[in-house]
Amino acid sequence: METNPTVVGAPTTAARQAVQSAWFFVIAFAVVAADQATKWGIRGWLDRGDRWPEGWPVRLIHVTNSGAAFGMFQGAGFLLAVGSVVGVTAILIYLFNPGFAHPLLRLGLAFMLGGAAGNLIDRIRDGEVVDFIKVPHWPAFNVADSSITIGVVLLLWVMVSEPRTQNVEN
């Protein structure tokens, strides 16, 4: 590891960025792994359309969705897969943008990348996404959907709550 010549043993900016990028990918991979593992479990445990437990407000249900969030764009799997690839690419570009160095922004991007990749895997493999978490008055969703939502909330929170720095020329 390179060190900063002004402080003996201090890591350089490049070394710090490499560690931050590594954590970004570890988190994104963990989201993909959790998403795929839970979908695999639902496919093996519940038949399509089955739900468990009966009578509870929050339950597991095995449904598939060939469209986007909330059942929109049913049957547009190819377009949604292309959109997901564009989204993943954009997230990776933002990862290396110095304006997105804030740790919570990077965490939000990691959650969004993991969620987008998890659903993209389903779209490519099966042409549809498995949804399995059902709460009252809300469409079924999955770990990937939740991760994308958490990522967006983190991004918005940082953008709204962090003070803006402005370059003022004298």
Protein backbone atom coordinates (compact mmCIF):
# COMPACT_ATOMS: atom_id res chain seq x y z
CA MET A 1 0.00 0.00 0.00
CA GLU A 2 1.29 3.44 -0.91
CA THR A 3 1.75 5.88 1.91
CA ASN A 4 1.46 9.62 2.10
CA PRO A 5 4.99 11.08 2.21
CA THR A 6 3.94 13.86 4.60
CA VAL A 7 2.72 11.46 7.29
CA VAL A 8 4.65 8.26 7.81
CA GLY A 9 2.37 5.23 7.37
CA ALA A 10 -0.71 7.27 6.35
CA PRO A 11 -2.56 5.73 3.38
CA THR A 12 -2.82 7.77 0.20
CA THR A 13 -6.07 8.98 -1.25
CA ALA A 14 -5.90 6.24 -3.89
CA ALA A 15 -5.53 3.57 -1.21
CA ARG A 16 -8.50 4.95 0.75
CA GLN A 17 -10.61 5.02 -2.42
CA ALA A 18 -9.69 1.42 -3.18
CA VAL A 19 -10.86 0.33 0.30
CA GLN A 20 -14.10 2.34 -0.07
CA SER A 21 -14.71 0.76 -3.48
CA ALA A 22 -14.09 -2.70 -2.06
CA TRP A 23 -16.71 -2.15 0.67
CA PHE A 24 -19.12 -0.85 -1.94
CA PHE A 25 -18.83 -4.10 -3.91
CA VAL A 26 -18.98 -6.29 -0.76
CA ILE A 27 -22.28 -4.65 0.22
CA ALA A 28 -23.69 -4.91 -3.31
CA PHE A 29 -22.68 -8.58 -3.49
CA ALA A 30 -24.27 -9.26 -0.08
CA VAL A 31 -27.55 -7.75 -1.33
CA VAL A 32 -27.45 -9.91 -4.47
CA ALA A 33 -26.67 -13.02 -2.40
CA ALA A 34 -29.49 -12.34 0.08
CA ASP A 35 -31.93 -11.60 -2.75
CA GLN A 36 -31.10 -14.73 -4.72
CA ALA A 37 -31.04 -16.95 -1.61
CA THR A 38 -34.47 -15.78 -0.45
CA LYS A 39 -35.98 -16.19 -3.93
CA TRP A 40 -34.46 -19.67 -4.19
CA GLY A 41 -35.98 -20.53 -0.80
CA ILE A 42 -39.42 -19.27 -1.79
CA ARG A 43 -39.33 -21.19 -5.10
CA GLY A 44 -38.49 -24.38 -3.23
CA TRP A 45 -40.83 -23.93 -0.29
CA LEU A 46 -44.04 -22.39 -1.66
CA ASP A 47 -45.87 -23.28 -4.84
CA ARG A 48 -46.69 -20.32 -7.05
CA GLY A 49 -49.69 -18.48 -5.59
CA ASP A 50 -49.36 -20.05 -2.12
CA ARG A 51 -49.07 -17.81 0.93
CA TRP A 52 -47.97 -18.34 4.51
CA PRO A 53 -49.08 -17.83 7.25
CA GLU A 54 -52.78 -17.38 6.66
CA GLY A 55 -54.50 -14.61 8.58
CA TRP A 56 -51.37 -12.57 9.34
CA PRO A 57 -51.02 -9.04 8.01
CA VAL A 58 -47.46 -9.62 6.77
CA ARG A 59 -46.92 -12.89 4.98
CA LEU A 60 -44.84 -14.74 2.46
CA ILE A 61 -46.36 -15.35 -0.94
CA HIS A 62 -44.89 -16.83 -4.11
CA VAL A 63 -45.77 -14.62 -7.07
CA THR A 64 -43.90 -13.67 -10.21
CA ASN A 65 -43.78 -10.37 -12.02
CA SER A 66 -42.75 -9.94 -15.65
CA GLY A 67 -43.10 -6.19 -15.38
CA ALA A 68 -41.66 -3.41 -13.27
CA ALA A 69 -42.51 -2.27 -9.77
CA PHE A 70 -46.16 -2.49 -8.78
CA GLY A 71 -47.02 -4.62 -11.81
CA MET A 72 -46.45 -1.87 -14.38
CA PHE A 73 -45.16 -2.75 -17.87
CA GLN A 74 -46.10 -6.45 -17.72
CA GLY A 75 -44.41 -8.44 -20.47
CA ALA A 76 -41.75 -5.79 -21.13
CA GLY A 77 -38.98 -7.99 -19.74
CA PHE A 78 -36.44 -7.25 -22.48
CA LEU A 79 -36.86 -3.48 -22.12
CA LEU A 80 -36.67 -3.76 -18.33
CA ALA A 81 -33.49 -5.86 -18.59
CA VAL A 82 -31.92 -3.23 -20.87
CA GLY A 83 -33.02 -0.52 -18.43
CA SER A 84 -31.46 -2.47 -15.58
CA VAL A 85 -28.15 -2.77 -17.44
CA VAL A 86 -28.20 1.00 -18.06
CA GLY A 87 -28.98 1.59 -14.37
CA VAL A 88 -26.18 -0.68 -13.19
CA THR A 89 -23.76 1.08 -15.55
CA ALA A 90 -24.84 4.50 -14.27
CA ILE A 91 -24.35 3.40 -10.66
CA LEU A 92 -20.85 2.17 -11.45
CA ILE A 93 -20.03 5.49 -13.15
CA TYR A 94 -21.28 7.42 -10.11
CA LEU A 95 -19.19 5.20 -7.85
CA PHE A 96 -16.04 6.70 -9.32
CA ASN A 97 -17.38 10.28 -9.40
CA PRO A 98 -15.67 12.40 -6.69
CA GLY A 99 -19.00 14.13 -6.00
CA PHE A 100 -20.33 10.84 -4.64
CA ALA A 101 -17.60 10.30 -2.05
CA HIS A 102 -19.95 10.73 0.93
CA PRO A 103 -20.16 7.35 2.71
CA LEU A 104 -23.98 7.35 2.85
CA LEU A 105 -24.23 8.18 -0.85
CA ARG A 106 -21.90 5.28 -1.61
CA LEU A 107 -23.92 3.02 0.70
CA GLY A 108 -27.11 4.02 -1.11
CA LEU A 109 -25.50 3.30 -4.47
CA ALA A 110 -24.31 -0.10 -3.19
CA PHE A 111 -27.85 -1.02 -2.12
CA MET A 112 -29.22 0.16 -5.47
CA LEU A 113 -26.58 -1.77 -7.43
CA GLY A 114 -27.23 -4.98 -5.47
CA GLY A 115 -30.99 -4.67 -5.90
CA ALA A 116 -30.80 -3.88 -9.60
CA ALA A 117 -28.39 -6.77 -10.19
CA GLY A 118 -30.55 -9.19 -8.17
CA ASN A 119 -33.66 -8.47 -10.22
CA LEU A 120 -31.63 -8.41 -13.46
CA ILE A 121 -30.42 -11.95 -12.75
CA ASP A 122 -34.06 -13.11 -12.49
CA ARG A 123 -35.08 -11.28 -15.67
CA ILE A 124 -32.23 -12.79 -17.68
CA ARG A 125 -32.62 -16.31 -16.24
CA ASP A 126 -36.42 -16.58 -15.99
CA GLY A 127 -37.91 -13.61 -17.84
CA GLU A 128 -39.64 -12.59 -14.62
CA VAL A 129 -38.91 -11.65 -11.01
CA VAL A 130 -40.02 -13.59 -7.92
CA ASP A 131 -41.80 -11.42 -5.35
CA PHE A 132 -42.62 -12.87 -1.95
CA ILE A 133 -43.14 -10.28 0.81
CA LYS A 134 -46.76 -9.15 1.09
CA VAL A 135 -48.07 -6.44 3.36
CA PRO A 136 -51.65 -5.12 3.37
CA HIS A 137 -52.56 -2.63 0.65
CA TRP A 138 -49.19 -2.97 -1.11
CA PRO A 139 -48.00 -5.13 -4.01
CA ALA A 140 -45.68 -8.05 -3.21
CA PHE A 141 -41.97 -7.25 -3.31
CA ASN A 142 -38.58 -8.85 -2.66
CA VAL A 143 -35.17 -8.16 -1.12
CA ALA A 144 -33.90 -6.49 -4.31
CA ASP A 145 -36.88 -4.11 -4.40
CA SER A 146 -36.33 -3.26 -0.73
CA SER A 147 -32.63 -2.61 -1.32
CA ILE A 148 -33.31 -0.27 -4.23
CA THR A 149 -35.82 1.62 -2.09
CA ILE A 150 -33.37 1.88 0.84
CA GLY A 151 -30.69 3.10 -1.56
CA VAL A 152 -32.92 5.80 -3.02
CA VAL A 153 -33.96 6.95 0.47
CA LEU A 154 -30.30 7.17 1.54
CA LEU A 155 -29.41 9.20 -1.55
CA LEU A 156 -32.33 11.57 -1.04
CA TRP A 157 -31.59 11.92 2.67
CA VAL A 158 -27.98 12.90 2.06
CA MET A 159 -28.89 15.25 -0.77
CA VAL A 160 -31.49 17.02 1.38
CA SER A 161 -29.70 17.03 4.74
CA GLU A 162 -26.08 17.69 3.81
CA PRO A 163 -25.07 21.33 3.43
CA ARG A 164 -24.06 22.32 -0.06
CA THR A 165 -20.58 23.68 -0.62
CA GLN A 166 -20.39 26.44 -3.18
CA ASN A 167 -17.32 27.68 -4.96
CA VAL A 168 -17.26 31.44 -4.70
CA GLU A 169 -14.75 33.26 -6.83
CA ASN A 170 -13.27 36.38 -5.28
